[in-house]
Protein backbone atom coordinates (compact mmCIF):
# COMPACT_ATOMS: atom_id res chain seq x y z
CA MET A 1 75.03 -2.89 35.95
CA VAL A 2 73.07 -1.86 39.00
CA VAL A 3 74.95 1.43 39.21
CA LEU A 4 74.53 2.10 35.48
CA SER A 5 70.82 1.28 35.64
CA ALA A 6 70.33 3.57 38.63
CA TRP A 7 72.17 6.40 36.88
CA LEU A 8 70.12 5.90 33.71
CA LEU A 9 66.90 6.28 35.68
CA MET A 10 68.15 9.25 37.68
CA ALA A 11 69.53 11.06 34.62
CA GLN A 12 66.04 11.46 33.19
CA SER A 13 64.84 13.64 36.07
CA CYS A 14 67.82 15.26 37.79
CA MET A 15 69.56 18.55 36.95
CA THR A 16 66.64 19.94 34.95
CA MET A 17 67.58 23.44 36.12
CA ARG A 18 64.01 24.68 36.01
CA MET A 19 61.42 25.85 38.51
CA SER A 20 57.72 25.10 38.25
CA ASP A 21 55.32 28.03 37.89
CA LYS A 22 53.71 27.02 41.18
CA ASP A 23 57.00 27.15 43.10
CA ALA A 24 57.99 30.37 41.39
CA ALA A 25 54.64 31.99 42.20
CA GLU A 26 55.16 31.17 45.88
CA LYS A 27 58.63 32.72 45.89
CA PHE A 28 57.45 35.91 44.20
CA ALA A 29 54.45 36.11 46.53
CA ALA A 30 56.81 35.88 49.52
CA SER A 31 58.65 38.95 48.22
CA GLY A 32 55.41 40.79 47.44
CA VAL A 33 56.01 40.95 43.68
CA PRO A 34 53.09 40.18 41.31
CA VAL A 35 54.16 37.75 38.60
CA ARG A 36 52.64 36.33 35.42
CA PHE A 37 53.48 33.14 33.54
CA ARG A 38 52.77 32.71 29.86
CA THR A 39 53.44 30.23 27.07
CA ILE A 40 53.02 31.15 23.42
CA THR A 41 53.05 28.71 20.51
CA VAL A 42 55.07 29.38 17.36
CA ASN A 43 55.33 26.85 14.53
CA ASN A 44 54.38 24.00 16.87
CA ARG A 45 57.08 25.06 19.33
CA HIS A 46 56.43 26.58 22.76
CA LEU A 47 58.01 29.60 24.41
CA HIS A 48 57.49 29.87 28.15
CA TYR A 49 58.25 33.12 29.93
CA VAL A 50 57.80 34.92 33.23
CA GLN A 51 56.84 38.58 33.60
CA THR A 52 56.93 41.15 36.38
CA GLY A 53 56.30 44.89 36.30
CA ALA A 54 53.63 47.12 34.76
CA ASP A 55 52.63 46.71 31.11
CA THR A 56 52.89 50.48 30.60
CA LEU A 57 56.67 50.54 31.19
CA PRO A 58 59.66 49.93 28.90
CA THR A 59 60.65 46.27 28.78
CA ILE A 60 63.79 44.31 29.58
CA VAL A 61 63.89 40.77 28.18
CA PHE A 62 66.43 38.46 29.83
CA VAL A 63 67.93 35.53 27.90
CA HIS A 64 69.79 32.83 29.82
CA GLY A 65 72.86 30.83 28.85
CA THR A 66 73.37 27.09 28.57
CA PRO A 67 72.23 25.18 30.45
CA GLY A 68 69.67 27.29 32.27
CA SER A 69 66.16 28.67 32.36
CA TRP A 70 64.28 31.90 33.07
CA ASP A 71 64.97 31.77 36.82
CA ALA A 72 68.62 32.62 36.24
CA PHE A 73 67.33 36.22 36.41
CA ARG A 74 64.77 35.81 39.19
CA GLN A 75 66.58 38.28 41.46
CA TYR A 76 66.39 40.96 38.77
CA LEU A 77 62.68 40.35 38.22
CA SER A 78 62.09 40.99 41.93
CA ASP A 79 64.25 44.10 42.24
CA ALA A 80 62.22 47.06 43.52
CA ALA A 81 64.28 49.72 41.75
CA LEU A 82 64.05 47.93 38.40
CA LEU A 83 60.33 47.34 38.86
CA ARG A 84 59.75 51.07 39.19
CA LYS A 85 61.22 51.65 35.72
CA PHE A 86 60.70 48.46 33.71
CA ARG A 87 58.44 45.62 32.83
CA MET A 88 60.73 42.59 32.98
CA ILE A 89 60.45 39.31 31.12
CA SER A 90 62.69 36.27 31.42
CA ILE A 91 62.30 33.47 28.89
CA ASP A 92 63.03 29.78 28.75
CA ARG A 93 65.02 29.46 25.54
CA PRO A 94 63.81 26.66 23.24
CA GLY A 95 64.92 23.31 24.63
CA PHE A 96 65.12 24.49 28.25
CA GLY A 97 62.84 25.13 31.20
CA TYR A 98 59.28 24.72 29.98
CA SER A 99 59.98 25.61 26.35
CA ASP A 100 59.99 22.06 24.91
CA PHE A 101 62.58 20.84 27.38
CA GLY A 102 65.21 18.61 25.82
CA LYS A 103 64.66 19.74 22.22
CA PRO A 104 67.30 22.39 21.43
CA LEU A 105 67.49 24.43 18.24
CA HIS A 106 70.06 26.34 16.21
CA LEU A 107 70.27 30.10 16.84
CA ASP A 108 68.27 30.99 13.73
CA GLU A 109 65.54 28.52 14.67
CA GLN A 110 65.45 29.86 18.23
CA SER A 111 65.02 33.36 16.84
CA GLU A 112 62.02 32.21 14.82
CA VAL A 113 60.39 30.97 18.04
CA ILE A 114 61.36 33.94 20.24
CA SER A 115 60.81 36.83 17.81
CA PRO A 116 56.97 36.70 17.88
CA LEU A 117 57.24 37.55 21.58
CA PHE A 118 57.96 41.17 20.64
CA ALA A 119 54.57 41.51 18.96
CA GLU A 120 52.95 39.76 21.91
CA ILE A 121 54.33 42.27 24.43
CA TYR A 122 54.23 45.40 22.26
CA ASN A 123 53.24 48.53 24.19
CA ALA A 124 54.90 51.30 22.12
CA LYS A 125 57.74 51.53 24.67
CA PRO A 126 61.42 50.58 24.21
CA VAL A 127 62.52 46.95 24.50
CA PHE A 128 66.01 46.05 25.75
CA LEU A 129 67.63 42.61 25.58
CA VAL A 130 70.01 41.19 28.18
CA GLY A 131 71.83 37.95 27.36
CA HIS A 132 74.26 35.95 29.45
CA SER A 133 76.87 33.60 27.94
CA MET A 134 75.10 31.83 25.05
CA GLY A 135 72.32 34.35 25.58
CA GLY A 136 74.82 36.84 24.10
CA PRO A 137 74.81 35.54 20.51
CA MET A 138 71.11 34.88 20.92
CA ILE A 139 70.30 38.56 21.49
CA ILE A 140 72.60 39.59 18.63
CA LYS A 141 70.55 37.31 16.39
CA LEU A 142 67.25 38.63 17.77
CA ALA A 143 68.29 42.26 17.21
CA ALA A 144 69.37 41.46 13.65
CA ASP A 145 66.10 39.63 12.91
CA ASN A 146 63.91 42.36 14.42
CA PRO A 147 65.16 45.67 12.98
CA GLY A 148 63.82 48.75 14.70
CA LYS A 149 62.23 46.78 17.55
CA ILE A 150 65.18 46.62 19.97
CA ALA A 151 66.38 49.74 21.81
CA GLY A 152 69.57 48.31 23.30
CA LEU A 153 71.57 45.17 24.07
CA VAL A 154 73.49 44.13 27.18
CA LEU A 155 75.99 41.32 26.55
CA LEU A 156 76.89 39.61 29.82
CA ALA A 157 79.95 37.45 29.15
CA GLY A 158 78.64 36.83 25.64
CA SER A 159 80.14 33.91 23.72
CA ASN A 160 80.27 35.42 20.22
CA ASP A 161 83.68 34.80 18.64
CA PRO A 162 83.75 31.52 16.66
CA SER A 163 87.54 31.41 16.69
CA LEU A 164 87.50 31.08 20.49
CA GLU A 165 85.28 28.00 20.48
CA LEU A 166 87.09 24.72 21.19
CA PRO A 167 86.56 21.90 18.64
CA GLU A 168 84.99 19.52 21.21
CA LYS A 169 84.46 16.79 18.61
CA TRP A 170 83.26 14.44 21.33
CA ARG A 171 79.95 16.28 21.75
CA PRO A 172 77.96 14.53 18.96
CA VAL A 173 78.67 11.17 20.60
CA LEU A 174 76.58 12.34 23.54
CA PHE A 175 73.48 13.16 21.49
CA LYS A 176 73.71 10.92 18.41
CA THR A 177 74.23 7.62 20.24
CA PRO A 178 72.44 5.85 23.12
CA LEU A 179 74.95 7.49 25.44
CA LYS A 180 72.63 10.49 25.39
CA TYR A 181 70.38 8.73 27.89
CA PHE A 182 73.16 8.87 30.45
CA VAL A 183 73.54 12.66 30.17
CA PRO A 184 71.47 14.21 32.97
CA GLY A 185 68.71 16.78 32.66
CA ALA A 186 69.46 20.13 31.03
CA LEU A 187 73.03 19.05 30.23
CA ARG A 188 71.63 16.99 27.37
CA PRO A 189 70.13 19.86 25.31
CA SER A 190 73.06 22.03 26.39
CA ASN A 191 75.58 19.60 24.93
CA GLN A 192 73.65 19.49 21.66
CA GLU A 193 73.26 23.24 21.21
CA LEU A 194 76.90 23.84 22.14
CA TRP A 195 77.78 21.62 19.20
CA TYR A 196 75.40 23.60 16.98
CA LEU A 197 77.06 26.79 18.20
CA LYS A 198 80.31 25.96 16.39
CA LYS A 199 78.67 26.68 13.02
CA ASP A 200 76.01 29.06 14.32
CA LEU A 201 78.62 31.63 15.39
CA VAL A 202 80.19 31.55 11.95
CA ALA A 203 76.80 32.27 10.39
CA LEU A 204 76.20 35.00 12.98
CA LYS A 205 79.07 37.12 11.62
CA ASP A 206 76.82 38.74 9.03
CA ASP A 207 74.24 39.66 11.67
CA PHE A 208 76.48 41.98 13.66
CA ALA A 209 76.25 44.64 10.95
CA LYS A 210 72.46 44.58 11.29
CA VAL A 211 72.63 45.71 14.93
CA LYS A 212 71.91 49.46 14.97
CA CYS A 213 71.04 50.03 18.63
CA PRO A 214 73.44 50.79 21.53
CA VAL A 215 75.33 47.80 22.93
CA PHE A 216 76.82 47.37 26.39
CA ILE A 217 79.57 44.76 26.72
CA VAL A 218 79.96 43.42 30.27
CA HIS A 219 82.65 40.85 31.02
CA GLY A 220 84.90 39.51 33.75
CA MET A 221 88.62 39.39 32.96
CA LYS A 222 89.00 36.10 34.86
CA ASP A 223 86.30 34.35 32.86
CA ASP A 224 87.73 30.93 32.00
CA MET A 225 84.55 29.70 30.31
CA VAL A 226 83.98 32.51 27.79
CA PRO A 227 87.35 34.19 27.11
CA PRO A 228 87.55 37.99 27.60
CA ALA A 229 88.94 38.14 24.04
CA ASN A 230 85.26 38.16 23.03
CA ILE A 231 85.26 41.84 24.04
CA ASP A 232 87.60 42.84 21.22
CA TYR A 233 85.71 40.67 18.76
CA ASP A 234 82.39 42.31 19.67
CA LYS A 235 83.83 45.80 19.29
CA LYS A 236 85.31 44.91 15.92
CA MET A 237 82.06 43.41 14.64
CA LEU A 238 79.54 45.96 16.00
CA VAL A 239 80.45 48.56 13.39
CA THR A 240 76.92 49.87 12.84
CA ALA A 241 75.77 49.96 16.46
CA SER A 242 74.82 53.46 17.55
CA GLY A 243 77.21 53.12 20.47
CA VAL A 244 79.35 50.48 22.20
CA GLN A 245 80.26 50.78 25.87
CA GLU A 246 82.16 48.45 28.19
CA LEU A 247 81.80 47.48 31.81
CA ILE A 248 84.79 45.30 32.70
CA PHE A 249 85.34 43.56 36.03
CA PRO A 250 89.07 42.81 36.51
CA ASP A 251 88.56 40.09 39.14
CA ALA A 252 85.27 38.53 38.00
CA ASN A 253 84.65 35.13 36.44
CA HIS A 254 81.87 33.92 34.14
CA PHE A 255 79.06 34.22 36.67
CA ILE A 256 78.77 38.00 36.70
CA PRO A 257 74.92 38.17 36.61
CA TRP A 258 75.04 36.95 40.21
CA THR A 259 78.49 37.86 41.53
CA ARG A 260 78.29 41.41 40.17
CA TYR A 261 74.58 41.89 40.60
CA GLN A 262 74.69 45.45 41.97
CA PRO A 263 76.74 47.14 39.22
CA ILE A 264 74.84 45.25 36.52
CA ARG A 265 71.55 46.27 38.11
CA ASP A 266 72.77 49.86 38.14
CA LEU A 267 73.67 49.62 34.45
CA LEU A 268 70.18 48.36 33.63
CA LEU A 269 68.63 51.26 35.54
CA LYS A 270 70.45 53.64 33.18
CA LEU A 271 69.13 52.03 30.00
CA TYR A 272 66.12 54.34 29.92
């Protein structure tokens, strides 16, 4: 009982996978990069994001996977070469970071919260979306819901094929019963949205045909979390995209935003 009680208390505060604006500001200051933090409110939900780069430049919006938060892309936001060409924004998806932490949403509901960001940051320059893992289907949905506003997508190990999702029927037990209080930090909303994803990816099928912009598919062939078979699915579904290109890493796993930083950075530099 003592061990269980201690874990119950610890689970509420550990593994949040988020960085405070104060700590982040100090890290950016140490690297000499000006940074801005912003939270917008949409339908009583909050969207927190971090921005670097000049407002006059084209924009890259980074969308993290699950669990995670904006700082998954902190290295990119500090990159000198990228800063010369782009304004960069990294968001906390709904339910993570400082975007109503612990309250996840379905993909369509997340899109309703995130989409107003494009009006907020509008500067008459192109906007590109980069999504890792579950951020992959998220940017497909955002492009479909915002026709004409997105200039290109970069899918980093995107989890898009519903047939490749495991049943995982145990997941609801961990958010519909008191057992949820024993699931630590960001793993709690992650577990819930991964259950939502089973049906969300089926609904997403119709959205692929609404994607008109160029799409870059980036994947590691040794990814044992999001199967490389997603590559073929994406190419089959993106029939109306103005172009589909691949960047495949034969020896890479799921964590390519960090383990293959240089070639991915180079790809982003060529977006515009």
